[in-house]
Amino acid sequence: MSFVASGVNMARMKIVVLDGWTLNPGDLSWDALKALGDCDIHDRTPPGEVTNRLAGAEIALTNKTVIALHQLECLPALKYIGVLATGTNVVDLAAARRLGITVTNVPAYSTPSVAQTTFALLLELAQHVGHHERTVREGQWTRSPDFCYWERPLLELSGLTMGIVGFGRIGSAVAAIADALGMKVLACGRNPKTYPTFVTSADLETVFRQSDVLSLHCPLTEETRNLVNTKRLSWMKPTAFLINTSRGPLVDESALAEALNGRRISGAGLDVLSVEPPPADNPLLQARNCLITPHQAWATGAARLRLMTIAVENLRAFLAGTPRNVVN
């Protein structure tokens, strides 16, 4: 039964945002959400405060703050959890379903931004723009006897093979950009019949072995955890790059660090790690030719605005009795 159908006064409904800072550090507005009820918006919520902050709330919104079984069982008023992301592993979905709590997510909001970051990492590995820009500011061009210089090999992407593991919306967007750059595209996904004509379907081993650039765009499941491991890294060309803008635990980080340091692959560009923020002893932080950005591929202003808009629309639809983007 919807809140509208049951006659609940939405203006007095309690809405709690557990970790709103990464979505909205101040450049967006919460007004559309506030119009739907009384909002408590927290920048961050420590694990031990989740139950207290959600006490009496009908609606919870969370991005990375975990809402576990023992917490759900202590929140009898809770009817709806809106995950401010596509991935939903922060909520015990089975428990929420058993307790009659609807859980929604926000699919597809970040596709252009994540695809763009994939190539930002790749282009830095190939062209070293950031490195050379720093050398210019340090005075090396001023002191150069020649009109130009480069300290690291510059790589043309046209003609190389981009291998994509996972061919959903983001994988498809990455393939289109690779094709526009003149790259050949191999893909390993669930439904090769839907691939565009410029994409060649291949099994996982073939993608690993033949790719000059291997880009991960699959969800994290028990099957895909440590998808990139010592064995599969040994299949890759020593000149190949690995790009991961998907989920950190897809990669065995110790194995990747060993492969980079041993020059068994050429480089890596990562926007995600298995633990975020990473501990200081994560081996990839010191690995050779490993670019790491702080899980920011999703966070362009345009993507965050889409996320905010869809999250509010999800809640509005639930309140009207027509829930959408339900994941449980």
Protein backbone atom coordinates (compact mmCIF):
# COMPACT_ATOMS: atom_id res chain seq x y z
CA MET A 1 0.00 0.00 0.00
CA SER A 2 1.39 3.39 -0.91
CA PHE A 3 1.70 6.28 1.50
CA VAL A 4 -0.90 8.14 -0.56
CA ALA A 5 -3.32 5.24 -0.48
CA SER A 6 -2.88 4.71 3.24
CA GLY A 7 -3.53 8.37 4.00
CA VAL A 8 -0.16 9.11 5.60
CA ASN A 9 0.62 12.82 5.71
CA MET A 10 3.69 13.10 3.51
CA ALA A 11 4.56 16.55 4.83
CA ARG A 12 5.32 15.01 8.22
CA MET A 13 7.08 11.95 6.92
CA LYS A 14 10.66 11.62 8.18
CA ILE A 15 13.34 11.34 5.52
CA VAL A 16 16.96 10.70 6.54
CA VAL A 17 19.94 11.06 4.21
CA LEU A 18 22.80 9.16 5.83
CA ASP A 19 25.71 10.34 3.67
CA GLY A 20 24.83 13.22 1.41
CA TRP A 21 28.21 14.94 1.09
CA THR A 22 29.62 13.08 -1.92
CA LEU A 23 26.39 13.61 -3.88
CA ASN A 24 25.97 17.22 -2.82
CA PRO A 25 28.96 19.00 -1.26
CA GLY A 26 27.07 22.26 -1.65
CA ASP A 27 26.69 22.84 -5.38
CA LEU A 28 23.29 21.14 -5.74
CA SER A 29 19.96 21.69 -3.98
CA TRP A 30 18.06 19.36 -1.66
CA ASP A 31 14.84 21.39 -2.09
CA ALA A 32 13.04 18.81 -4.23
CA LEU A 33 13.65 16.16 -1.58
CA LYS A 34 12.67 18.49 1.25
CA ALA A 35 9.34 19.09 -0.47
CA LEU A 36 8.46 15.42 0.15
CA GLY A 37 8.84 15.41 3.94
CA ASP A 38 10.86 16.46 6.98
CA CYS A 39 14.51 15.86 6.04
CA ASP A 40 17.52 15.15 8.22
CA ILE A 41 20.52 15.40 5.91
CA HIS A 42 23.85 14.13 7.24
CA ASP A 43 27.13 14.56 5.41
CA ARG A 44 28.38 11.23 6.79
CA THR A 45 27.13 8.63 9.26
CA PRO A 46 29.45 6.37 11.27
CA PRO A 47 28.32 2.71 11.34
CA GLY A 48 27.40 2.93 15.01
CA GLU A 49 25.03 5.85 14.40
CA VAL A 50 22.94 4.35 11.59
CA THR A 51 20.17 2.96 13.82
CA ASN A 52 19.92 6.08 15.94
CA ARG A 53 19.70 8.40 12.96
CA LEU A 54 17.07 6.27 11.24
CA ALA A 55 14.94 5.84 14.35
CA GLY A 56 11.34 6.74 13.47
CA ALA A 57 12.17 7.39 9.82
CA GLU A 58 9.97 6.03 7.05
CA ILE A 59 12.48 6.89 4.33
CA ALA A 60 16.26 6.38 4.23
CA LEU A 61 18.68 7.48 1.51
CA THR A 62 22.20 6.09 1.49
CA ASN A 63 25.15 6.01 -0.85
CA LYS A 64 27.95 4.02 0.78
CA THR A 65 26.68 3.77 4.37
CA VAL A 66 25.77 0.14 5.04
CA ILE A 67 22.28 -0.74 6.33
CA ALA A 68 22.58 -4.30 7.60
CA LEU A 69 20.12 -6.91 8.85
CA HIS A 70 20.54 -6.12 12.55
CA GLN A 71 19.85 -2.46 11.85
CA LEU A 72 16.83 -3.11 9.65
CA GLU A 73 15.26 -5.24 12.38
CA CYS A 74 15.48 -2.28 14.75
CA LEU A 75 13.69 0.12 12.41
CA PRO A 76 9.98 -0.83 12.31
CA ALA A 77 8.91 2.49 10.76
CA LEU A 78 11.23 2.15 7.79
CA LYS A 79 9.37 1.52 4.51
CA TYR A 80 11.78 2.67 1.82
CA ILE A 81 15.53 2.80 1.17
CA GLY A 82 16.79 4.78 -1.79
CA VAL A 83 20.36 3.90 -2.72
CA LEU A 84 22.09 6.97 -4.14
CA ALA A 85 24.10 4.85 -6.57
CA THR A 86 23.71 2.01 -9.04
CA GLY A 87 25.30 -0.69 -6.88
CA THR A 88 23.15 -1.93 -4.00
CA ASN A 89 25.55 -4.07 -1.96
CA VAL A 90 25.28 -1.60 0.97
CA VAL A 91 21.78 -2.89 1.78
CA ASP A 92 20.76 -6.39 2.84
CA LEU A 93 18.22 -6.77 0.04
CA ALA A 94 16.82 -10.10 1.16
CA ALA A 95 16.21 -8.82 4.68
CA ALA A 96 14.63 -5.64 3.38
CA ARG A 97 12.27 -7.65 1.17
CA ARG A 98 11.32 -9.91 4.07
CA LEU A 99 10.61 -6.87 6.24
CA GLY A 100 8.50 -5.19 3.58
CA ILE A 101 11.00 -2.43 2.84
CA THR A 102 11.24 -1.29 -0.78
CA VAL A 103 14.79 -0.64 -2.03
CA THR A 104 15.54 1.35 -5.18
CA ASN A 105 18.69 2.37 -6.98
CA VAL A 106 19.71 4.92 -9.62
CA PRO A 107 20.82 3.18 -12.82
CA ALA A 108 22.62 4.72 -15.78
CA TYR A 109 23.08 8.23 -14.36
CA SER A 110 26.88 8.23 -14.73
CA THR A 111 27.42 6.44 -18.04
CA PRO A 112 28.95 9.36 -20.02
CA SER A 113 31.10 10.46 -17.08
CA VAL A 114 32.53 7.00 -16.35
CA ALA A 115 33.24 6.38 -20.03
CA GLN A 116 34.99 9.76 -20.15
CA THR A 117 37.13 8.87 -17.12
CA THR A 118 38.08 5.54 -18.70
CA PHE A 119 39.71 7.46 -21.52
CA ALA A 120 41.14 10.16 -19.26
CA LEU A 121 43.13 7.42 -17.53
CA LEU A 122 44.03 5.71 -20.79
CA LEU A 123 45.15 8.93 -22.47
CA GLU A 124 47.37 9.82 -19.53
CA LEU A 125 49.01 6.39 -19.79
CA ALA A 126 49.42 6.79 -23.54
CA GLN A 127 50.35 10.48 -23.81
CA HIS A 128 51.60 11.43 -20.30
CA VAL A 129 50.00 14.87 -20.55
CA GLY A 130 50.04 15.51 -16.82
CA HIS A 131 53.66 14.47 -16.45
CA HIS A 132 54.89 16.61 -19.31
CA GLU A 133 52.83 19.60 -18.21
CA ARG A 134 54.58 19.42 -14.83
CA THR A 135 58.00 19.32 -16.49
CA VAL A 136 57.15 22.48 -18.46
CA ARG A 137 56.19 24.30 -15.26
CA GLU A 138 59.46 23.10 -13.70
CA GLY A 139 61.36 24.85 -16.48
CA GLN A 140 62.51 21.92 -18.59
CA TRP A 141 61.06 23.26 -21.84
CA THR A 142 62.60 26.66 -21.18
CA ARG A 143 65.98 24.98 -20.79
CA SER A 144 65.52 22.58 -23.71
CA PRO A 145 67.93 22.85 -26.66
CA ASP A 146 65.14 21.62 -28.97
CA PHE A 147 61.66 22.88 -29.80
CA CYS A 148 60.11 19.76 -28.25
CA TYR A 149 60.90 16.79 -26.03
CA TRP A 150 59.23 13.79 -24.43
CA GLU A 151 60.47 11.86 -21.43
CA ARG A 152 58.28 8.81 -21.86
CA PRO A 153 57.15 6.90 -24.96
CA LEU A 154 54.05 8.40 -26.61
CA LEU A 155 51.50 5.84 -27.77
CA GLU A 156 49.00 6.24 -30.60
CA LEU A 157 45.75 4.43 -29.80
CA SER A 158 44.47 4.16 -33.38
CA GLY A 159 44.87 0.61 -34.60
CA LEU A 160 45.26 -0.88 -31.12
CA THR A 161 42.74 -3.32 -29.62
CA MET A 162 40.44 -2.26 -26.80
CA GLY A 163 39.09 -5.25 -24.86
CA ILE A 164 35.95 -4.67 -22.80
CA VAL A 165 34.82 -7.04 -20.06
CA GLY A 166 31.16 -6.36 -19.34
CA PHE A 167 29.09 -4.83 -22.12
CA GLY A 168 26.29 -2.93 -20.41
CA ARG A 169 25.60 0.78 -20.84
CA ILE A 170 29.08 1.91 -19.79
CA GLY A 171 30.91 -0.80 -21.71
CA SER A 172 28.90 0.11 -24.79
CA ALA A 173 29.74 3.81 -24.38
CA VAL A 174 33.45 2.97 -24.00
CA ALA A 175 33.30 0.86 -27.15
CA ALA A 176 31.83 3.75 -29.14
CA ILE A 177 34.63 6.10 -28.02
CA ALA A 178 37.28 3.47 -28.79
CA ASP A 179 35.83 3.02 -32.26
CA ALA A 180 35.86 6.79 -32.82
CA LEU A 181 39.57 6.79 -31.92
CA GLY A 182 40.24 4.14 -34.56
CA MET A 183 40.68 1.25 -32.13
CA LYS A 184 39.56 -2.31 -32.75
CA VAL A 185 37.06 -3.46 -30.12
CA LEU A 186 36.71 -6.90 -28.54
CA ALA A 187 34.07 -7.54 -25.90
CA CYS A 188 33.09 -10.27 -23.48
CA GLY A 189 29.55 -9.87 -22.17
CA ARG A 190 26.29 -11.65 -21.58
CA ASN A 191 24.46 -10.82 -24.80
CA PRO A 192 26.76 -10.58 -27.83
CA LYS A 193 23.77 -10.51 -30.19
CA THR A 194 23.24 -6.89 -29.15
CA TYR A 195 26.78 -5.75 -29.99
CA PRO A 196 27.18 -3.11 -32.70
CA THR A 197 28.85 -4.20 -35.90
CA PHE A 198 32.21 -2.69 -34.98
CA VAL A 199 32.49 -4.87 -31.85
CA THR A 200 33.80 -8.44 -32.05
CA SER A 201 32.56 -10.91 -29.44
CA ALA A 202 35.23 -13.01 -27.75
CA ASP A 203 35.62 -15.25 -24.73
CA LEU A 204 37.34 -13.94 -21.62
CA GLU A 205 40.73 -15.51 -22.30
CA THR A 206 40.83 -14.16 -25.85
CA VAL A 207 40.01 -10.66 -24.61
CA PHE A 208 42.81 -10.83 -22.04
CA ARG A 209 45.34 -12.20 -24.54
CA GLN A 210 44.58 -9.98 -27.53
CA SER A 211 43.86 -6.60 -25.91
CA ASP A 212 46.29 -3.72 -25.92
CA VAL A 213 43.94 -2.03 -23.46
CA LEU A 214 41.73 -4.11 -21.16
CA SER A 215 38.87 -2.16 -19.58
CA LEU A 216 36.58 -3.55 -16.86
CA HIS A 217 32.88 -2.66 -16.87
CA CYS A 218 31.19 -5.60 -15.13
CA PRO A 219 29.34 -5.70 -11.80
CA LEU A 220 30.92 -7.11 -8.67
CA THR A 221 29.59 -10.60 -7.93
CA GLU A 222 31.11 -13.68 -6.37
CA GLU A 223 31.87 -14.83 -9.91
CA THR A 224 33.70 -11.62 -10.86
CA ARG A 225 35.55 -10.99 -7.59
CA ASN A 226 39.32 -11.15 -8.35
CA LEU A 227 38.47 -11.52 -12.02
CA VAL A 228 41.90 -10.03 -12.72
CA ASN A 229 44.26 -12.40 -10.94
CA THR A 230 47.76 -13.78 -11.39
CA LYS A 231 46.71 -16.34 -13.99
CA ARG A 232 44.77 -13.90 -16.16
CA LEU A 233 47.41 -11.19 -15.84
CA SER A 234 49.86 -13.72 -17.28
CA TRP A 235 47.67 -13.90 -20.39
CA MET A 236 48.07 -10.16 -21.07
CA LYS A 237 50.63 -8.63 -23.41
CA PRO A 238 53.62 -7.04 -21.64
CA THR A 239 52.73 -3.84 -23.53
CA ALA A 240 49.07 -3.86 -22.39
CA PHE A 241 47.25 -1.47 -20.06
CA LEU A 242 44.53 -2.39 -17.55
CA ILE A 243 41.77 0.15 -16.83
CA ASN A 244 39.27 -0.28 -13.99
CA THR A 245 36.50 2.26 -13.48
CA SER A 246 34.01 -0.37 -12.28
CA ARG A 247 34.57 -2.01 -8.87
CA GLY A 248 37.83 -2.36 -6.96
CA PRO A 249 37.43 -6.00 -5.88
CA LEU A 250 37.36 -7.11 -9.52
CA VAL A 251 41.16 -6.93 -9.25
CA ASP A 252 43.54 -8.92 -7.06
CA GLU A 253 45.59 -5.89 -6.06
CA SER A 254 48.69 -7.76 -4.91
CA ALA A 255 48.77 -9.71 -8.17
CA LEU A 256 48.39 -6.52 -10.20
CA ALA A 257 51.16 -4.75 -8.24
CA GLU A 258 53.47 -7.70 -8.87
CA ALA A 259 52.64 -7.72 -12.58
CA LEU A 260 53.31 -3.97 -12.87
CA ASN A 261 56.52 -4.03 -10.87
CA GLY A 262 57.73 -7.08 -12.79
CA ARG A 263 56.88 -5.35 -16.11
CA ARG A 264 54.59 -8.21 -17.06
CA ILE A 265 52.07 -5.56 -18.14
CA SER A 266 52.85 -1.98 -19.08
CA GLY A 267 50.56 0.06 -16.85
CA ALA A 268 47.22 0.47 -15.10
CA GLY A 269 44.65 3.21 -14.64
CA LEU A 270 42.32 2.73 -11.68
CA ASP A 271 39.47 4.84 -10.32
CA VAL A 272 38.43 2.22 -7.76
CA LEU A 273 40.18 0.08 -5.15
CA SER A 274 39.06 -2.82 -2.98
CA VAL A 275 39.00 -0.68 0.18
CA GLU A 276 38.12 3.01 -0.08
CA PRO A 277 39.81 5.12 1.15
CA PRO A 278 42.79 2.76 0.70
CA PRO A 279 45.06 1.85 3.60
CA ALA A 280 48.60 3.17 3.31
CA ASP A 281 49.94 -0.34 2.69
CA ASN A 282 47.86 -0.99 -0.43
CA PRO A 283 50.57 -2.27 -2.82
CA LEU A 284 49.15 -0.40 -5.79
CA LEU A 285 49.90 2.98 -4.20
CA GLN A 286 53.61 2.36 -4.87
CA ALA A 287 53.33 0.21 -7.98
CA ARG A 288 55.16 1.12 -11.20
CA ASN A 289 53.18 3.08 -13.81
CA CYS A 290 49.92 2.81 -11.89
CA LEU A 291 47.58 5.80 -12.08
CA ILE A 292 44.97 5.98 -9.31
CA THR A 293 42.14 8.50 -8.99
CA PRO A 294 39.86 8.66 -5.90
CA HIS A 295 36.66 7.00 -7.19
CA GLN A 296 35.58 10.18 -8.94
CA ALA A 297 34.49 8.91 -12.36
CA TRP A 298 30.82 9.21 -11.38
CA ALA A 299 31.10 12.65 -9.79
CA THR A 300 30.82 15.22 -12.57
CA GLY A 301 28.26 17.91 -11.85
CA ALA A 302 26.02 16.66 -14.65
CA ALA A 303 26.08 13.08 -13.35
CA ARG A 304 25.40 14.10 -9.76
CA LEU A 305 22.48 16.27 -10.85
CA ARG A 306 21.02 13.30 -12.75
CA LEU A 307 21.53 11.12 -9.67
CA MET A 308 19.75 13.64 -7.43
CA THR A 309 16.89 14.04 -9.89
CA ILE A 310 16.34 10.31 -10.36
CA ALA A 311 16.60 9.60 -6.63
CA VAL A 312 13.86 12.14 -5.91
CA GLU A 313 11.74 10.79 -8.77
CA ASN A 314 12.16 7.26 -7.38
CA LEU A 315 10.87 8.39 -3.99
CA ARG A 316 8.03 10.39 -5.51
CA ALA A 317 6.96 7.35 -7.54
CA PHE A 318 7.05 5.14 -4.43
CA LEU A 319 4.89 7.60 -2.51
CA ALA A 320 2.41 7.64 -5.39
CA GLY A 321 2.12 3.85 -5.27
CA THR A 322 4.00 3.26 -8.53
CA PRO A 323 7.54 2.38 -7.43
CA ARG A 324 10.31 2.30 -10.05
CA ASN A 325 13.91 1.10 -10.14
CA VAL A 326 13.09 -1.42 -7.39
CA VAL A 327 15.98 -3.84 -6.80
CA ASN A 328 14.45 -6.20 -4.23
